[in-house]
Amino acid sequence: MTDSTVKPSLIIRQYNSLTPYEDRFLEMKALTEQRDENTPDELWILQHHDVLTQGQAGKPEHILMASSIPVVQTDRGGQVTWHGPGQLVAYFMFDLNRLGWNVRTLVSYAENLMIELVKKYGIEAYAKPDAPGVYVNERKIGSLGFKIRKGRSYHGLALNIDCDLSGFHTINPCGYAGLEMVRVQDLVENYPKFENLCVDMIATLQNSGYFKEVRVEQR
């Protein structure tokens, strides 16, 4: 944890309607390029329109069939994944050097954040050392992928709440053939919706101790 005298501020943006992937990708990339040592960290919580995103290591053969879902080439780590309505996406624009984090710290923080979010609703999820993300009974409920530039992160995590899983059926999710995806909806009666999990995530960040102040902006 950072020393109390150098804790950064955090701005959380919560988007309350669907937002285009490409717009947010270009915006977080620009923010990372332009920020300096005094720029507050930001975390964006949102849902995208249907999209397949291909990571830097992405191989075309992991897109198994043509579909109407657009494919966007991006610069995060990892392979192809799907985003869309009913999936909570959180993007981390964090200055890792200022926080005293390395990449492993960031990945573990994102994984543990998802684990704690679903644990509140009785779901026992876990991370795997050899396959980034969060799993329940070997089915993947949460994915992640980051880009680090000059010690600062962007991109983030995606947690399946009540999305249509058919988009995942057109790909090898994260490059794993036959990987089964699961949603919060499949595991809990009267499951929490996107808005509930936003409240939970914001509270967790406010109580984390990493930030001197947390400001929430509704978009």
Protein backbone atom coordinates (compact mmCIF):
# COMPACT_ATOMS: atom_id res chain seq x y z
CA MET A 1 0.00 0.00 0.00
CA THR A 2 1.20 3.51 -0.66
CA ASP A 3 2.41 5.84 2.06
CA SER A 4 -0.44 7.99 3.38
CA THR A 5 1.26 11.16 2.14
CA VAL A 6 1.30 10.05 -1.50
CA LYS A 7 -2.00 8.22 -1.87
CA PRO A 8 -3.62 9.23 -5.16
CA SER A 9 -7.19 10.35 -5.70
CA LEU A 10 -9.53 8.12 -7.70
CA ILE A 11 -12.29 9.21 -10.06
CA ILE A 12 -14.91 6.52 -10.74
CA ARG A 13 -17.06 6.98 -13.83
CA GLN A 14 -20.26 4.94 -13.91
CA TYR A 15 -21.92 4.77 -17.33
CA ASN A 16 -25.65 4.17 -17.04
CA SER A 17 -26.30 3.33 -20.69
CA LEU A 18 -24.47 1.18 -23.24
CA THR A 19 -21.29 2.76 -24.55
CA PRO A 20 -19.28 1.95 -27.73
CA TYR A 21 -16.09 -0.04 -27.16
CA GLU A 22 -13.97 1.85 -29.65
CA ASP A 23 -14.83 5.26 -28.16
CA ARG A 24 -13.80 4.21 -24.65
CA PHE A 25 -10.68 2.40 -25.93
CA LEU A 26 -9.40 5.52 -27.70
CA GLU A 27 -10.28 7.71 -24.72
CA MET A 28 -8.49 5.61 -22.10
CA LYS A 29 -5.47 5.27 -24.38
CA ALA A 30 -5.32 9.06 -24.81
CA LEU A 31 -5.73 9.63 -21.06
CA THR A 32 -2.80 7.28 -20.40
CA GLU A 33 -0.62 9.03 -22.98
CA GLN A 34 -1.38 12.51 -21.66
CA ARG A 35 -1.38 11.99 -17.89
CA ASP A 36 1.45 13.04 -15.57
CA GLU A 37 2.51 12.20 -12.02
CA ASN A 38 -0.26 14.42 -10.57
CA THR A 39 -3.16 13.06 -12.65
CA PRO A 40 -5.78 11.26 -10.52
CA ASP A 41 -6.30 7.58 -11.22
CA GLU A 42 -9.59 6.66 -12.89
CA LEU A 43 -11.80 3.60 -12.98
CA TRP A 44 -14.70 3.33 -15.41
CA ILE A 45 -17.63 0.95 -14.86
CA LEU A 46 -19.79 0.31 -17.90
CA GLN A 47 -21.50 -2.01 -20.37
CA HIS A 48 -20.67 -2.17 -24.06
CA HIS A 49 -22.67 -2.81 -27.19
CA ASP A 50 -21.96 -6.28 -28.65
CA VAL A 51 -18.32 -6.47 -29.76
CA LEU A 52 -15.48 -8.94 -30.12
CA THR A 53 -12.11 -7.51 -29.09
CA GLN A 54 -8.89 -9.08 -30.28
CA GLY A 55 -5.87 -8.68 -28.00
CA GLN A 56 -2.29 -8.11 -29.09
CA ALA A 57 -1.55 -11.84 -29.05
CA GLY A 58 -4.87 -12.65 -30.70
CA LYS A 59 -4.95 -15.27 -33.44
CA PRO A 60 -7.59 -15.08 -36.19
CA GLU A 61 -8.34 -18.81 -35.87
CA HIS A 62 -9.82 -18.22 -32.40
CA ILE A 63 -12.76 -16.49 -34.11
CA LEU A 64 -14.59 -19.65 -35.10
CA MET A 65 -17.32 -18.29 -37.35
CA ALA A 66 -18.42 -15.12 -39.08
CA SER A 67 -21.20 -13.24 -37.34
CA SER A 68 -22.80 -9.81 -37.23
CA ILE A 69 -20.73 -8.91 -34.15
CA PRO A 70 -18.04 -6.34 -35.04
CA VAL A 71 -14.39 -7.22 -34.32
CA VAL A 72 -12.09 -4.52 -32.93
CA GLN A 73 -8.32 -4.92 -32.80
CA THR A 74 -7.06 -3.61 -29.47
CA ASP A 75 -3.76 -3.33 -27.60
CA ARG A 76 -4.49 -5.19 -24.37
CA GLY A 77 -2.84 -8.47 -23.56
CA GLY A 78 -4.50 -11.77 -24.33
CA GLN A 79 -6.67 -13.23 -27.06
CA VAL A 80 -10.18 -12.63 -28.31
CA THR A 81 -13.14 -12.04 -26.01
CA TRP A 82 -16.73 -10.80 -26.21
CA HIS A 83 -18.29 -7.76 -24.52
CA GLY A 84 -21.93 -6.76 -24.49
CA PRO A 85 -25.05 -5.92 -22.49
CA GLY A 86 -25.36 -7.74 -19.19
CA GLN A 87 -21.61 -7.81 -18.58
CA LEU A 88 -19.95 -5.44 -16.12
CA VAL A 89 -16.73 -4.01 -17.54
CA ALA A 90 -14.30 -2.01 -15.37
CA TYR A 91 -11.30 -0.18 -16.83
CA PHE A 92 -8.34 0.66 -14.57
CA MET A 93 -6.35 3.80 -15.42
CA PHE A 94 -3.92 3.39 -12.52
CA ASP A 95 -0.41 4.75 -12.03
CA LEU A 96 1.22 1.55 -10.82
CA ASN A 97 4.49 3.21 -9.82
CA ARG A 98 2.65 5.67 -7.60
CA LEU A 99 0.64 2.87 -5.99
CA GLY A 100 3.77 0.76 -5.54
CA TRP A 101 2.22 -2.05 -7.61
CA ASN A 102 3.68 -4.33 -10.26
CA VAL A 103 1.67 -6.06 -13.00
CA ARG A 104 1.06 -9.12 -10.82
CA THR A 105 -0.34 -6.88 -8.06
CA LEU A 106 -2.76 -5.31 -10.55
CA VAL A 107 -3.90 -8.66 -11.94
CA SER A 108 -4.41 -10.09 -8.44
CA TYR A 109 -6.29 -6.97 -7.36
CA ALA A 110 -8.68 -7.22 -10.32
CA GLU A 111 -9.23 -10.94 -9.79
CA ASN A 112 -9.81 -10.52 -6.05
CA LEU A 113 -12.19 -7.64 -6.70
CA MET A 114 -14.41 -9.95 -8.80
CA ILE A 115 -14.09 -12.78 -6.27
CA GLU A 116 -15.22 -10.49 -3.44
CA LEU A 117 -18.08 -9.01 -5.48
CA VAL A 118 -19.68 -12.39 -6.16
CA LYS A 119 -18.85 -13.82 -2.72
CA LYS A 120 -21.32 -11.35 -1.22
CA TYR A 121 -24.03 -13.27 -3.12
CA GLY A 122 -22.88 -16.73 -2.07
CA ILE A 123 -20.77 -17.54 -5.14
CA GLU A 124 -17.40 -19.15 -4.41
CA ALA A 125 -15.13 -18.04 -7.24
CA TYR A 126 -11.37 -18.43 -7.54
CA ALA A 127 -8.39 -17.41 -9.64
CA LYS A 128 -6.02 -19.82 -11.42
CA PRO A 129 -2.26 -19.25 -11.59
CA ASP A 130 -1.99 -20.54 -15.16
CA ALA A 131 -5.09 -18.90 -16.70
CA PRO A 132 -5.94 -15.27 -15.83
CA GLY A 133 -9.51 -14.59 -14.82
CA VAL A 134 -12.02 -15.85 -12.27
CA TYR A 135 -13.74 -19.23 -12.30
CA VAL A 136 -16.58 -21.13 -10.64
CA ASN A 137 -16.34 -24.91 -10.90
CA GLU A 138 -13.96 -24.56 -13.87
CA ARG A 139 -16.38 -22.29 -15.73
CA LYS A 140 -15.18 -18.74 -16.36
CA ILE A 141 -17.26 -15.94 -14.86
CA GLY A 142 -14.75 -13.08 -15.11
CA SER A 143 -12.06 -12.16 -17.65
CA LEU A 144 -9.27 -9.60 -17.62
CA GLY A 145 -6.62 -8.06 -19.83
CA PHE A 146 -4.40 -5.02 -19.37
CA LYS A 147 -2.01 -2.76 -21.20
CA ILE A 148 0.83 -1.12 -19.24
CA ARG A 149 2.48 1.99 -20.70
CA LYS A 150 5.14 3.95 -18.81
CA GLY A 151 4.09 2.27 -15.58
CA ARG A 152 0.41 3.12 -16.06
CA SER A 153 -2.42 0.70 -16.78
CA TYR A 154 -5.51 0.73 -18.93
CA HIS A 155 -8.12 -1.87 -20.03
CA GLY A 156 -9.38 -4.09 -17.20
CA LEU A 157 -11.94 -6.74 -16.27
CA ALA A 158 -15.28 -8.11 -17.46
CA LEU A 159 -17.75 -9.90 -15.16
CA ASN A 160 -20.65 -11.89 -16.67
CA ILE A 161 -23.93 -10.95 -14.95
CA ASP A 162 -26.89 -11.76 -17.19
CA CYS A 163 -25.45 -11.40 -20.69
CA ASP A 164 -26.38 -13.50 -23.70
CA LEU A 165 -23.57 -16.06 -23.91
CA SER A 166 -24.06 -16.71 -27.63
CA GLY A 167 -21.31 -14.20 -28.50
CA PHE A 168 -18.81 -16.44 -26.70
CA HIS A 169 -19.95 -19.39 -28.82
CA THR A 170 -18.47 -17.74 -31.94
CA ILE A 171 -14.93 -17.74 -30.46
CA ASN A 172 -12.45 -19.66 -28.35
CA PRO A 173 -12.82 -17.39 -25.31
CA CYS A 174 -9.42 -15.95 -24.34
CA GLY A 175 -7.87 -18.46 -26.74
CA TYR A 176 -9.09 -21.57 -24.87
CA ALA A 177 -11.01 -24.02 -27.06
CA GLY A 178 -14.10 -25.34 -25.32
CA LEU A 179 -13.84 -23.01 -22.33
CA GLU A 180 -17.30 -22.78 -20.78
CA MET A 181 -18.53 -19.42 -19.59
CA VAL A 182 -20.97 -18.87 -16.72
CA ARG A 183 -22.95 -15.89 -15.41
CA VAL A 184 -24.01 -14.65 -12.00
CA GLN A 185 -27.57 -15.24 -13.24
CA ASP A 186 -26.86 -18.96 -13.62
CA LEU A 187 -25.67 -19.31 -10.03
CA VAL A 188 -27.96 -17.15 -7.88
CA GLU A 189 -31.72 -16.76 -7.63
CA ASN A 190 -32.77 -13.10 -7.49
CA TYR A 191 -29.26 -12.28 -8.68
CA PRO A 192 -27.74 -8.77 -8.41
CA LYS A 193 -28.08 -6.61 -11.50
CA PHE A 194 -25.47 -4.32 -13.04
CA GLU A 195 -26.58 -1.39 -10.87
CA ASN A 196 -26.25 -3.44 -7.66
CA LEU A 197 -22.75 -4.59 -8.55
CA CYS A 198 -21.71 -1.03 -9.40
CA VAL A 199 -22.68 0.02 -5.87
CA ASP A 200 -20.73 -2.93 -4.44
CA MET A 201 -17.64 -2.21 -6.54
CA ILE A 202 -17.62 1.48 -5.67
CA ALA A 203 -17.92 0.70 -1.95
CA THR A 204 -15.02 -1.77 -2.18
CA LEU A 205 -12.81 0.83 -3.86
CA GLN A 206 -13.79 3.52 -1.33
CA ASN A 207 -12.84 1.18 1.52
CA SER A 208 -9.66 -0.19 -0.05
CA GLY A 209 -7.26 2.20 1.65
CA TYR A 210 -5.31 2.78 -1.56
CA PHE A 211 -6.82 6.19 -2.34
CA LYS A 212 -7.00 9.40 -0.33
CA GLU A 213 -10.39 10.22 -1.84
CA VAL A 214 -12.81 8.58 -4.25
CA ARG A 215 -15.12 10.70 -6.39
CA VAL A 216 -17.98 9.12 -8.36
CA GLU A 217 -19.27 10.61 -11.62
CA GLN A 218 -22.46 9.36 -13.27
CA ARG A 219 -22.41 9.35 -17.06
